[in-house]
Protein backbone atom coordinates (compact mmCIF):
# COMPACT_ATOMS: atom_id res chain seq x y z
CA MET A 1 80.45 68.48 108.43
CA PHE A 2 80.86 67.30 104.48
CA LYS A 3 83.95 66.14 104.65
CA LYS A 4 83.50 63.90 107.87
CA LYS A 5 80.50 62.41 106.00
CA LEU A 6 82.89 61.56 103.02
CA LEU A 7 85.48 59.97 105.20
CA GLN A 8 82.57 57.88 106.92
CA ILE A 9 81.68 56.54 103.50
CA GLU A 10 85.14 55.66 102.40
CA ALA A 11 85.82 53.78 105.63
CA LEU A 12 82.59 52.11 105.10
CA LEU A 13 83.90 51.50 101.36
CA ILE A 14 87.11 50.04 102.45
CA VAL A 15 85.52 47.62 105.23
CA GLY A 16 83.17 46.29 102.37
CA ARG A 17 85.53 46.01 99.98
CA LYS A 18 87.35 43.25 102.37
CA LYS A 19 84.17 41.79 102.08
CA MET A 20 83.15 41.62 98.55
CA SER A 21 84.95 39.79 95.68
CA PRO A 22 86.38 42.26 93.36
CA LYS A 23 83.74 42.22 90.79
CA GLN A 24 81.14 43.19 93.40
CA PHE A 25 83.03 45.83 94.10
CA ILE A 26 83.48 47.41 90.67
CA PHE A 27 79.51 46.97 90.40
CA LEU A 28 79.06 49.14 93.73
CA SER A 29 81.58 51.57 92.66
CA SER A 30 79.95 52.06 88.89
CA VAL A 31 76.92 53.00 91.01
CA LEU A 32 78.55 55.60 93.06
CA VAL A 33 80.76 56.86 90.47
CA GLY A 34 77.52 57.18 88.23
CA ILE A 35 75.85 59.20 91.13
CA THR A 36 78.60 61.43 91.54
CA SER A 37 78.79 62.39 87.72
CA ALA A 38 74.95 62.41 87.58
CA LEU A 39 75.27 65.16 90.62
CA ALA A 40 77.76 66.75 88.45
CA VAL A 41 75.65 67.31 85.22
CA ILE A 42 72.44 68.37 87.28
CA LEU A 43 74.70 71.48 88.63
CA LEU A 44 75.88 72.05 85.26
CA LYS A 45 73.15 72.00 83.25
CA SER A 46 70.72 73.87 85.98
CA PHE A 47 73.02 76.97 86.11
CA ALA A 48 73.55 76.85 82.43
CA HIS A 49 69.75 77.00 81.52
CA SER A 50 69.17 79.02 84.98
CA VAL A 51 71.23 81.97 82.99
CA TYR A 52 69.66 81.35 79.91
CA GLN A 53 65.98 81.73 81.09
CA ALA A 54 67.44 85.01 82.95
CA ALA A 55 68.63 86.69 79.99
CA ALA A 56 65.68 85.63 77.97
CA TYR A 57 63.28 87.03 80.83
CA VAL A 58 65.46 90.56 80.75
CA ASN A 59 65.04 90.55 76.95
CA SER A 60 61.33 90.20 77.00
CA ILE A 61 60.86 93.28 79.49
CA LEU A 62 63.58 95.39 78.26
CA LYS A 63 63.59 94.40 74.56
CA LEU A 64 67.35 94.86 74.55
CA SER A 65 68.93 92.39 72.18
CA PHE A 66 72.26 93.75 73.10
CA ILE A 67 72.10 92.01 76.43
CA ASN A 68 72.63 88.40 75.16
CA SER A 69 75.68 89.92 73.75
CA VAL A 70 77.36 91.71 76.87
CA LEU A 71 76.88 87.90 79.14
CA PRO A 72 79.36 86.17 76.94
CA VAL A 73 82.04 88.68 77.25
CA ILE A 74 81.60 89.04 81.26
CA GLY A 75 81.52 84.76 81.14
CA ILE A 76 84.83 84.40 79.22
CA LEU A 77 86.72 87.45 81.01
CA LEU A 78 85.26 85.40 84.28
CA THR A 79 86.59 81.96 83.00
CA VAL A 80 90.05 83.57 82.45
CA MET A 81 90.46 84.85 85.87
CA ALA A 82 89.25 81.67 87.43
CA THR A 83 91.66 79.77 85.38
CA ARG A 84 94.26 82.13 86.21
CA ARG A 85 93.86 82.50 89.97
CA LEU A 86 92.40 79.30 90.62
CA LEU A 87 93.77 76.52 88.50
CA GLY A 88 97.41 77.45 87.94
CA GLY A 89 96.55 79.44 84.99
CA THR A 90 96.11 76.78 82.17
CA ILE A 91 93.22 74.08 81.91
CA GLU A 92 92.93 71.27 79.21
CA LYS A 93 89.86 71.59 76.77
CA GLY A 94 87.58 69.04 75.21
CA THR A 95 87.67 64.83 75.58
CA SER A 96 91.17 65.13 73.45
CA GLN A 97 92.51 65.21 76.97
CA ILE A 98 90.85 61.84 78.70
CA LEU A 99 91.78 60.14 75.22
CA TYR A 100 95.10 61.33 75.67
CA LEU A 101 95.22 60.24 79.49
CA VAL A 102 93.54 56.86 78.71
CA ALA A 103 96.11 56.29 76.02
CA ARG A 104 99.20 57.62 77.58
CA LYS A 105 99.13 58.41 81.06
CA ALA A 106 97.68 55.03 82.06
CA SER A 107 94.14 56.70 82.84
CA ILE A 108 95.14 58.74 85.73
CA VAL A 109 92.91 61.97 85.67
CA PRO A 110 94.51 64.84 87.73
CA LYS A 111 92.08 65.86 90.73
CA LYS A 112 91.90 69.56 90.12
CA GLN A 113 89.31 68.15 87.22
CA LEU A 114 86.94 67.31 89.73
CA TYR A 115 85.84 70.69 90.04
CA ALA A 116 87.80 72.75 87.12
CA GLN A 117 85.82 71.71 84.31
CA ILE A 118 82.59 72.60 86.65
CA LEU A 119 83.41 76.17 87.47
CA THR A 120 84.96 77.40 83.89
CA SER A 121 82.35 75.81 81.50
CA SER A 122 79.31 76.69 83.76
CA LEU A 123 80.87 80.53 83.41
CA THR A 124 81.72 80.08 79.61
CA VAL A 125 78.09 78.27 78.54
CA GLY A 126 76.13 79.36 81.34
CA LEU A 127 76.87 83.08 80.40
CA GLY A 128 76.20 82.72 77.00
CA GLY A 129 79.87 81.01 75.26
CA SER A 130 78.88 79.20 71.95
CA ALA A 131 80.13 75.78 73.16
CA GLY A 132 78.84 72.78 74.94
CA LEU A 133 78.46 71.16 78.22
CA GLU A 134 79.14 67.77 77.18
CA SER A 135 82.76 67.57 76.89
CA PRO A 136 83.38 69.18 80.21
CA ILE A 137 81.11 66.67 81.69
CA VAL A 138 82.83 63.82 80.05
CA VAL A 139 85.99 65.08 81.60
CA THR A 140 84.65 65.74 84.85
CA GLY A 141 82.89 62.57 85.00
CA ALA A 142 86.21 60.35 83.96
CA ALA A 143 87.71 62.18 86.78
CA PHE A 144 85.55 60.79 89.16
CA GLY A 145 86.20 57.71 88.12
CA SER A 146 89.87 57.74 87.84
CA ASN A 147 90.22 59.58 91.27
CA PHE A 148 87.70 56.72 92.82
CA ALA A 149 89.87 54.03 91.42
CA GLN A 150 92.96 55.70 92.61
CA GLN A 151 91.84 56.31 95.89
CA PHE A 152 91.19 52.47 96.41
CA ARG A 153 94.48 51.80 94.66
CA LEU A 154 92.72 49.89 91.93
CA SER A 155 94.59 48.33 88.76
CA TYR A 156 95.31 50.10 85.47
CA LYS A 157 92.39 48.02 83.82
CA ASP A 158 89.83 48.70 86.79
CA ARG A 159 90.88 52.25 86.83
CA THR A 160 90.61 52.45 82.97
CA LEU A 161 87.36 50.54 83.00
CA LEU A 162 85.63 53.32 85.85
CA LEU A 163 86.85 56.19 84.25
CA GLY A 164 84.35 54.91 81.10
CA CYS A 165 81.82 54.57 83.77
CA GLY A 166 82.06 58.09 84.82
CA VAL A 167 81.80 59.10 81.04
CA ALA A 168 79.08 57.11 80.38
CA ALA A 169 76.99 58.23 83.53
CA GLY A 170 77.77 62.06 82.35
CA ILE A 171 76.42 61.47 78.62
CA ALA A 172 73.54 59.47 80.15
CA ALA A 173 72.68 61.93 82.67
CA ALA A 174 72.89 65.19 80.32
CA PHE A 175 70.55 63.60 77.46
CA ASN A 176 68.50 60.76 80.00
CA ALA A 177 69.81 58.57 77.40
CA PRO A 178 71.20 55.73 79.00
CA ILE A 179 72.43 53.62 75.86
CA ALA A 180 74.09 56.69 74.22
CA GLY A 181 75.97 56.89 77.40
CA VAL A 182 77.50 53.42 77.01
CA LEU A 183 78.15 53.64 73.16
CA PHE A 184 79.63 56.93 73.76
CA ALA A 185 82.34 55.22 76.36
CA VAL A 186 83.00 52.62 74.41
CA GLU A 187 82.76 53.97 70.76
CA VAL A 188 84.77 57.57 71.36
CA LEU A 189 86.92 56.46 74.27
CA LEU A 190 87.46 53.11 75.53
CA VAL A 191 88.03 51.28 72.06
CA ASP A 192 89.67 48.54 73.46
CA VAL A 193 86.82 47.42 75.93
CA THR A 194 86.19 43.88 76.31
CA ILE A 195 82.49 42.76 76.63
CA ALA A 196 82.86 41.56 80.42
CA ALA A 197 83.60 45.55 80.96
CA PHE A 198 79.87 46.38 79.18
CA THR A 199 77.85 45.62 82.95
CA PRO A 200 79.84 48.10 84.68
CA ILE A 201 79.54 50.64 82.22
CA MET A 202 75.77 49.86 81.90
CA ILE A 203 75.03 49.98 85.35
CA ALA A 204 77.00 53.60 85.70
CA ALA A 205 74.83 54.70 82.60
CA ALA A 206 71.94 53.71 84.07
CA THR A 207 72.40 55.31 87.45
CA GLY A 208 73.25 58.50 85.79
CA ALA A 209 70.16 58.48 83.97
CA LEU A 210 67.84 57.94 86.74
CA VAL A 211 69.44 60.50 89.00
CA SER A 212 69.07 63.19 86.07
CA ALA A 213 65.59 61.70 85.62
CA ILE A 214 64.70 62.34 89.23
CA LEU A 215 66.32 65.77 90.09
CA LEU A 216 66.88 67.55 86.64
CA ASN A 217 64.08 69.37 85.38
CA GLU A 218 62.98 68.04 82.19
CA ASN A 219 62.66 71.42 80.31
CA ILE A 220 66.53 71.48 80.81
CA LEU A 221 66.82 68.08 78.95
CA LEU A 222 67.33 68.12 75.19
CA SER A 223 63.98 66.05 73.97
CA PHE A 224 61.29 65.89 71.26
CA ARG A 225 58.04 64.69 71.03
CA GLN A 226 56.28 66.00 68.19
CA LYS A 227 57.50 64.24 64.76
CA GLN A 228 55.87 62.67 62.18
CA THR A 229 56.08 58.91 60.85
CA PHE A 230 58.71 58.00 58.63
CA ASP A 231 58.07 57.64 55.23
CA TYR A 232 60.13 55.38 53.04
CA HIS A 233 59.58 57.53 49.85
CA ASN A 234 62.01 59.84 51.43
CA ILE A 235 64.91 57.48 51.73
CA PRO A 236 66.93 58.91 48.70
CA LEU A 237 66.22 62.53 50.17
CA TYR A 238 67.96 61.26 53.35
CA ILE A 239 71.00 59.86 51.15
CA LEU A 240 71.44 63.52 49.97
CA LEU A 241 71.17 64.64 53.70
CA GLY A 242 73.97 62.03 54.78
CA LEU A 243 76.00 63.79 52.02
CA PHE A 244 74.98 67.27 53.10
CA THR A 245 75.81 66.69 56.82
CA ALA A 246 79.23 64.87 56.09
CA PHE A 247 80.20 67.81 53.95
CA LEU A 248 79.04 70.09 56.66
CA SER A 249 81.03 68.00 59.39
CA VAL A 250 84.23 68.62 57.30
CA TYR A 251 83.66 72.33 57.13
CA TYR A 252 82.87 72.90 60.38
CA SER A 253 86.16 70.77 61.62
CA ARG A 254 88.78 72.78 59.58
CA ASN A 255 87.03 76.11 60.21
CA PHE A 256 86.49 75.78 64.08
CA LEU A 257 90.54 74.60 64.38
CA LYS A 258 91.37 77.50 62.35
CA THR A 259 89.74 79.63 64.22
CA GLU A 260 90.77 78.55 67.79
CA HIS A 261 94.24 78.43 66.56
CA TYR A 262 93.98 82.19 65.65
CA PHE A 263 92.65 83.48 68.81
CA ALA A 264 94.65 81.17 71.31
CA ASN A 265 98.11 82.29 68.98
CA LEU A 266 97.45 86.14 69.73
CA ARG A 267 100.05 87.67 70.94
CA LEU A 268 98.03 89.51 73.38
CA GLY A 269 97.63 89.11 77.35
CA ALA A 270 95.42 86.40 78.50
CA TYR A 271 92.67 89.36 79.82
CA LYS A 272 93.22 91.01 76.55
CA LYS A 273 92.74 88.30 74.02
CA ALA A 274 89.70 87.24 76.11
CA LEU A 275 88.33 90.69 75.67
CA PHE A 276 89.06 90.83 72.10
CA GLY A 277 87.77 87.64 71.34
CA ALA A 278 84.61 87.91 73.39
CA LEU A 279 83.70 91.42 71.94
CA VAL A 280 83.86 89.50 68.45
CA LEU A 281 81.88 86.63 69.77
CA GLY A 282 79.05 89.53 70.97
CA LEU A 283 79.00 90.86 67.75
CA LEU A 284 78.38 87.56 65.87
CA ILE A 285 75.87 86.99 69.08
CA PHE A 286 74.01 90.29 68.41
CA ALA A 287 73.34 89.78 64.79
CA PHE A 288 72.56 86.09 65.51
CA PRO A 289 71.17 85.57 68.93
CA VAL A 290 70.72 81.69 68.17
CA LEU A 291 74.64 81.37 68.63
CA PHE A 292 74.34 82.33 72.21
CA GLY A 293 74.93 79.37 74.73
CA GLU A 294 74.39 75.77 73.80
CA GLY A 295 71.69 76.63 71.73
CA TYR A 296 69.59 73.48 72.75
CA GLU A 297 66.22 76.01 73.06
CA SER A 298 66.66 77.09 69.12
CA ILE A 299 67.19 73.22 68.50
CA LYS A 300 63.81 72.60 70.10
CA SER A 301 62.09 75.59 68.02
CA LEU A 302 63.16 74.04 64.86
CA ALA A 303 62.39 70.36 65.48
CA ASP A 304 59.35 71.24 67.15
CA ARG A 305 57.63 73.02 63.91
CA ASN A 306 58.04 76.70 65.56
CA PRO A 307 60.91 78.02 63.79
CA GLY A 308 59.54 81.68 63.42
CA GLU A 309 60.40 82.59 67.08
CA LEU A 310 63.91 82.61 66.00
CA LEU A 311 63.71 85.76 64.52
CA GLU A 312 62.11 87.34 67.95
CA ASN A 313 64.12 89.81 69.52
CA THR A 314 66.93 89.85 66.52
CA LEU A 315 67.44 92.52 63.54
CA PHE A 316 65.09 90.46 61.06
CA LYS A 317 62.05 90.20 63.73
CA ASP A 318 59.98 92.20 61.00
CA PHE A 319 60.49 89.53 58.43
CA SER A 320 59.48 86.68 60.84
CA SER A 321 56.46 85.89 58.46
CA ASN A 322 58.94 85.78 55.64
CA GLN A 323 59.95 81.99 54.99
CA TRP A 324 62.51 82.65 52.62
CA VAL A 325 64.24 85.33 55.13
CA LEU A 326 63.99 82.47 58.06
CA LEU A 327 65.48 80.22 55.82
CA ALA A 328 68.37 82.67 55.19
CA PHE A 329 69.01 83.25 58.65
CA VAL A 330 69.12 79.52 59.79
CA GLY A 331 71.32 78.92 56.87
CA ALA A 332 73.80 81.91 57.84
CA SER A 333 73.44 80.76 61.69
CA MET A 334 74.26 77.19 60.53
CA MET A 335 77.58 78.45 58.66
CA LEU A 336 78.84 80.88 61.67
CA LYS A 337 78.67 78.41 64.35
CA ALA A 338 82.23 77.03 63.31
CA PHE A 339 83.50 80.13 64.04
CA ALA A 340 81.49 81.28 67.32
CA SER A 341 82.93 78.36 68.79
CA GLY A 342 86.35 78.38 67.46
CA ILE A 343 86.49 81.81 69.23
CA THR A 344 84.89 80.83 72.57
CA LEU A 345 87.42 78.43 72.99
CA GLY A 346 90.13 80.13 71.44
CA CYS A 347 90.16 83.63 73.26
CA GLY A 348 89.92 81.50 76.57
CA GLY A 349 86.45 80.21 77.39
CA ASN A 350 85.94 76.25 78.25
CA GLY A 351 83.48 73.78 76.53
CA GLY A 352 83.55 71.65 74.01
CA ASN A 353 81.92 70.91 70.25
CA PHE A 354 79.02 68.19 71.17
CA ALA A 355 76.20 70.41 71.50
CA PRO A 356 77.37 72.97 68.75
CA SER A 357 77.36 69.36 66.51
CA LEU A 358 73.67 69.21 67.47
CA PHE A 359 73.01 72.71 66.68
CA LEU A 360 74.61 72.47 63.22
CA GLY A 361 72.90 69.27 62.82
CA SER A 362 69.37 70.42 63.66
CA TYR A 363 70.03 73.65 61.40
CA ALA A 364 71.43 71.42 58.66
CA GLY A 365 68.23 69.25 58.59
CA TYR A 366 66.00 71.97 58.72
CA PHE A 367 67.71 74.15 55.64
CA PHE A 368 67.97 71.16 53.59
CA SER A 369 64.41 70.21 54.03
CA LYS A 370 62.77 73.61 54.08
CA PHE A 371 64.99 74.66 50.64
CA LEU A 372 63.13 72.18 48.84
CA ASN A 373 59.53 72.71 50.16
CA LEU A 374 60.18 76.36 49.65
CA THR A 375 60.82 75.23 46.16
CA GLY A 376 57.84 73.38 45.52
CA LEU A 377 59.83 70.33 44.57
CA THR A 378 58.27 68.07 47.81
CA ASP A 379 56.74 68.00 51.00
CA LEU A 380 59.22 66.86 53.62
CA PRO A 381 58.24 66.33 56.86
CA VAL A 382 61.03 69.46 58.18
CA SER A 383 61.03 68.14 62.09
CA ASN A 384 62.02 64.58 60.90
CA PHE A 385 64.99 66.18 58.75
CA ALA A 386 65.60 68.35 61.57
CA ILE A 387 66.46 65.52 64.24
CA VAL A 388 68.18 62.93 61.93
CA GLY A 389 70.61 65.72 60.75
CA MET A 390 71.99 66.02 64.22
CA ALA A 391 72.65 62.27 64.14
CA GLY A 392 74.46 63.39 60.76
CA ILE A 393 76.95 66.02 62.32
CA LEU A 394 77.29 64.23 65.39
CA SER A 395 78.58 61.18 63.33
CA GLY A 396 80.65 63.13 61.09
CA LEU A 397 82.45 64.88 63.81
CA PHE A 398 83.19 62.66 66.10
CA HIS A 399 83.36 59.32 63.87
CA ALA A 400 80.78 57.80 66.41
CA PRO A 401 77.75 56.45 64.23
CA LEU A 402 76.29 54.42 66.72
CA THR A 403 76.17 56.93 69.36
CA ALA A 404 74.68 59.38 67.20
CA ILE A 405 72.30 56.75 66.12
CA PHE A 406 70.97 55.70 69.30
CA LEU A 407 71.40 59.41 71.13
CA ILE A 408 69.03 60.65 68.59
CA ALA A 409 66.44 57.66 69.16
CA GLU A 410 66.57 58.25 72.52
CA ILE A 411 66.18 61.78 72.81
CA THR A 412 62.96 61.55 70.26
CA GLY A 413 61.45 59.10 72.58
CA GLY A 414 61.10 56.10 70.35
CA TYR A 415 63.11 54.25 67.24
CA ASP A 416 60.51 55.45 64.66
CA LEU A 417 63.04 57.55 62.83
CA ILE A 418 65.75 54.34 63.19
CA ILE A 419 66.17 54.08 59.42
CA PRO A 420 66.92 57.30 58.39
CA LEU A 421 69.24 57.71 61.30
CA MET A 422 71.23 54.55 60.18
CA ILE A 423 71.40 56.03 56.74
CA VAL A 424 72.75 59.75 57.63
CA ALA A 425 74.63 58.49 60.48
CA SER A 426 76.51 56.22 58.64
CA LEU A 427 76.90 58.06 55.07
CA SER A 428 78.06 61.17 56.77
CA PHE A 429 80.72 59.00 59.08
CA ALA A 430 82.29 56.92 55.98
CA ILE A 431 82.48 60.35 53.70
CA SER A 432 83.59 62.75 56.16
CA LYS A 433 86.36 60.20 57.25
CA ARG A 434 87.50 60.05 53.87
CA PHE A 435 88.28 63.87 53.86
CA GLU A 436 89.35 63.79 57.77
CA LYS A 437 91.20 60.74 58.80
CA HIS A 438 90.82 61.89 62.64
CA SER A 439 87.71 62.80 64.41
CA LEU A 440 87.54 66.45 65.61
CA ASP A 441 89.07 65.48 69.43
CA VAL A 442 91.79 63.23 67.85
CA LYS A 443 92.88 66.06 65.47
CA GLY A 444 94.32 67.80 68.09
CA LEU A 445 96.13 65.26 69.57
CA VAL A 446 97.63 64.48 66.09
CA LYS A 447 98.51 68.00 65.65
CA LYS A 448 100.78 67.73 69.04
CA GLY A 449 102.52 64.67 67.70
CA ASN A 450 100.38 62.35 70.27
CA VAL A 451 98.51 60.25 68.13
CA PHE A 452 95.77 58.18 69.71
CA THR A 453 95.55 54.60 69.42
CA SER A 454 93.25 51.55 70.19
CA ASN A 455 96.37 49.57 70.25
CA LYS A 456 97.18 48.62 74.00
CA ASP A 457 100.62 47.61 73.00
CA THR A 458 101.31 51.21 72.15
CA ASN A 459 99.78 53.03 74.58
CA ILE A 460 101.69 50.83 77.25
CA LEU A 461 104.84 51.75 75.23
CA TRP A 462 104.11 55.44 75.30
CA THR A 463 103.76 55.50 79.40
CA LEU A 464 107.55 54.38 79.17
CA LYS A 465 110.33 56.87 79.26
CA MET A 466 113.58 57.03 77.91
CA ASP A 467 115.75 57.00 81.29
CA ALA A 468 114.25 53.50 82.03
CA ILE A 469 115.85 51.99 79.02
CA LEU A 470 118.68 53.96 78.07
CA GLN A 471 122.09 52.61 78.53
CA ASN A 472 123.78 55.92 79.78
CA ASP A 473 127.35 54.65 81.05
CA PRO A 474 128.64 52.72 77.78
CA LYS A 475 132.28 52.20 76.93
CA THR A 476 133.27 53.95 73.69
CA LEU A 477 136.08 53.58 71.30
CA ALA A 478 138.25 56.85 69.66
CA PRO A 479 138.43 56.52 65.64
CA GLU A 480 142.37 55.67 65.88
CA ASP A 481 142.32 53.27 68.73
CA ASP A 482 144.03 50.23 67.31
CA ILE A 483 142.96 46.38 67.21
CA HIS A 484 144.53 45.74 70.61
CA MET A 485 143.01 48.61 72.40
CA VAL A 486 139.34 47.60 70.61
CA ARG A 487 140.02 44.15 71.83
CA SER A 488 140.50 45.17 75.49
CA VAL A 489 137.52 47.11 75.62
CA ILE A 490 135.41 44.84 74.29
CA LYS A 491 136.72 42.22 76.65
CA ALA A 492 136.33 44.28 79.74
CA SER A 493 132.49 44.90 78.83
CA ASP A 494 129.19 42.93 77.72
CA GLN A 495 127.92 45.48 75.28
CA GLY A 496 127.01 44.22 71.84
CA MET A 497 127.58 47.74 70.26
CA PHE A 498 130.25 50.31 70.79
CA ALA A 499 130.13 53.67 69.52
CA VAL A 500 133.26 55.24 67.67
CA ALA A 501 133.17 58.90 68.66
CA SER A 502 135.57 62.05 69.04
CA GLY A 503 134.55 63.68 72.48
CA GLU A 504 130.83 63.26 72.68
CA LYS A 505 130.24 63.40 68.84
CA LEU A 506 128.95 60.32 67.19
CA LEU A 507 131.25 59.05 64.37
CA GLY A 508 130.03 55.68 63.82
CA VAL A 509 129.11 52.27 65.59
CA VAL A 510 130.94 48.62 66.36
CA TYR A 511 129.03 45.74 66.38
CA PHE A 512 130.77 43.04 67.83
CA SER A 513 128.77 40.24 66.04
CA ASP A 514 130.11 42.23 62.85
CA ILE A 515 133.89 41.92 63.83
CA LYS A 516 134.00 38.70 66.02
CA GLU A 517 135.57 36.70 63.06
CA PHE A 518 138.68 38.98 63.01
CA ILE A 519 138.83 40.63 66.36
CA PHE A 520 140.99 38.37 67.82
CA ASN A 521 143.72 38.27 64.64
CA ASP A 522 146.68 40.92 64.83
CA THR A 523 145.93 43.44 61.73
CA ASP A 524 146.92 47.03 61.05
CA ILE A 525 143.64 48.19 61.63
CA ARG A 526 141.90 50.91 63.64
CA ALA A 527 138.22 51.34 65.22
CA LYS A 528 137.29 53.97 62.19
CA ASP A 529 137.95 51.18 59.91
CA LEU A 530 136.03 48.99 61.92
CA MET A 531 132.89 50.99 62.53
CA ALA A 532 129.58 51.25 60.32
CA ALA A 533 127.54 53.96 59.57
CA THR A 534 124.74 54.54 61.35
CA MET A 535 121.38 53.77 59.49
CA GLU A 536 119.03 54.61 62.07
CA ILE A 537 119.86 57.23 65.40
CA VAL A 538 117.44 57.40 68.39
CA SER A 539 117.01 60.61 69.77
CA TYR A 540 116.65 61.30 73.56
CA ASN A 541 113.14 62.52 72.73
CA ASP A 542 111.56 59.95 70.78
CA SER A 543 108.72 58.21 72.17
CA MET A 544 108.92 54.40 72.83
CA GLU A 545 106.77 53.72 69.71
CA THR A 546 109.35 55.57 67.91
CA VAL A 547 112.25 53.64 69.27
CA MET A 548 110.82 50.41 68.97
CA ARG A 549 109.98 51.07 65.01
CA LYS A 550 113.22 52.07 64.50
CA LEU A 551 114.60 48.97 66.00
CA GLU A 552 112.45 47.00 64.02
CA LYS A 553 113.45 48.72 60.63
CA SER A 554 117.15 48.38 61.22
CA SER A 555 117.35 44.76 62.08
CA ARG A 556 119.67 45.55 64.91
CA SER A 557 119.51 44.80 68.85
CA TYR A 558 121.12 47.99 69.60
CA LEU A 559 120.86 51.40 68.33
CA PRO A 560 122.88 54.58 69.46
CA VAL A 561 121.27 57.62 71.54
CA LEU A 562 121.62 61.35 70.63
CA LYS A 563 120.77 63.83 72.90
CA ASP A 564 121.47 67.22 71.69
CA ASP A 565 123.26 66.11 68.65
CA LEU A 566 125.95 64.51 70.97
CA TYR A 567 126.38 60.70 72.05
CA CYS A 568 124.94 59.76 75.57
CA GLY A 569 124.06 56.13 75.22
CA TYR A 570 122.71 53.40 73.66
CA ILE A 571 119.26 51.47 73.46
CA ASP A 572 119.37 47.48 74.01
CA LYS A 573 116.06 45.98 72.70
CA GLY A 574 116.17 43.45 75.16
CA ALA A 575 116.15 45.88 78.12
CA ALA A 576 113.37 47.60 76.13
CA LEU A 577 110.86 44.71 76.12
CA GLU A 578 111.84 43.62 79.55
CA ALA A 579 110.78 47.41 80.38
CA TYR A 580 107.57 46.74 78.41
CA ARG A 581 106.80 43.68 80.25
CA ASN A 582 107.50 45.26 83.78
CA GLN A 583 104.84 48.05 83.14
CA LEU A 584 102.26 45.66 81.19
CA LYS A 585 102.66 43.82 84.77
CA SER A 586 102.25 46.79 86.97
CA MET A 587 99.25 48.40 84.99
CA ILE A 588 97.46 45.07 85.31
CA PHE A 589 98.69 43.88 88.91
CA GLU A 590 99.12 47.04 90.77
């Protein structure tokens, strides 16, 4: 029945598309993508919140602090089981995969991402894994946008635009923050977007936020209403907070990646690795229950000036009235979050770092301001600093200051803190970028050799394959060939470069342009005497970006290609540029 309804809707859209202008169809598509992305968000967030509430209810009755430590073990094991049995054994994690697909795969998101992220992240985070749902939300939204565009055979440009619409709608729905959704899509993913693309992205974000406001329970959203008025006398301390969050961002980024890498590379079976990692995570959560799940409830406790409840149902509950013990607990939780999130994702769970960045930011702001207050040096509005700290960490980790500023402004219900938000976010971004050139998500791509770039030409080059431009049936010369043989080979071919090879082993190359002045003279000279050393050699596995860079560096129109150290053909610069032009046309007009 449901499938039949979908087919009817698709038929209506096909008919409607013929009666609409391309721009009108994109606007309609952005609404539909916004609705579907928002519904996915509602499903994810509601499930995660329900599990958290159920665990809290059980704890309130049984007073069993270990319940929260058991649930993540179950969740991560179920995630691994679902991945292996339902999703082909692997699943890409984090927004980095979307960056890669936009830049390298013409914005084509696999269909399995329509449901894979929802299934796995809801099991991991919903059952207490110390990660966030926003990255899975971003991937799911991107999948809806991309696959919608593929279904109606839209061009690469429109496919990328609708992918961005899905991302914007997902973030907007998750926080009821449409402006932040737009900025995240533009600032983090679609860095090459044009002004004309803003309208459909804004439509999708507004749609996502509206659907979320109607259907999603407000207490599930991360929102704050209790905050004090901004006092400009505190600007020097906000500057110090910006420095503090910048270095914490670097600390989190490095330790998260080290931890994730360590657990991901353990030489254990998938289930043993998941069990081992989940047990370690369970021990951390047993000592510091605030590390359970997204951590949004504890963020609200800090920002709403009711932090004492963080120590309830913990090993430190008898010290809930001791402000220094509470401060130490907050500081320890803050420093351990990187390891908890790294373990969660490294041992087989699925989630992202968006929610952990907000967790870390709120704890950093609280710790910074509360410490100064307890020393008697000043009297700072702790809730304000907890809120502004989130912008600092988000900006420092993701290198997205505008998203950080407007997200926090929107979830606090106004722009009263816009000045400290701008100060802290911009400082954190500038300083963290000095120590970490790439954002947390992009670092993963760099590590794999897939450096993400906003350069459209480079991205198109990356979509080309070596086989598309390799001249793989070339005429070659033997080193002992005399001038008559060289002349006959050149006459029988239109090549500009000839490899001198012994068998398939490359010895050197002969460029016709270098020898044309005396090639027709009868001299006692051999091919080995004519050949030049190969200054630049292309590997069969080189990316097209690397190939073009080598061509540019060599100032030659032809370069030899080696596969497994054996000569297999050559690259013609003219053919490479022609392939680039054809690929560009296919992306725009397909």
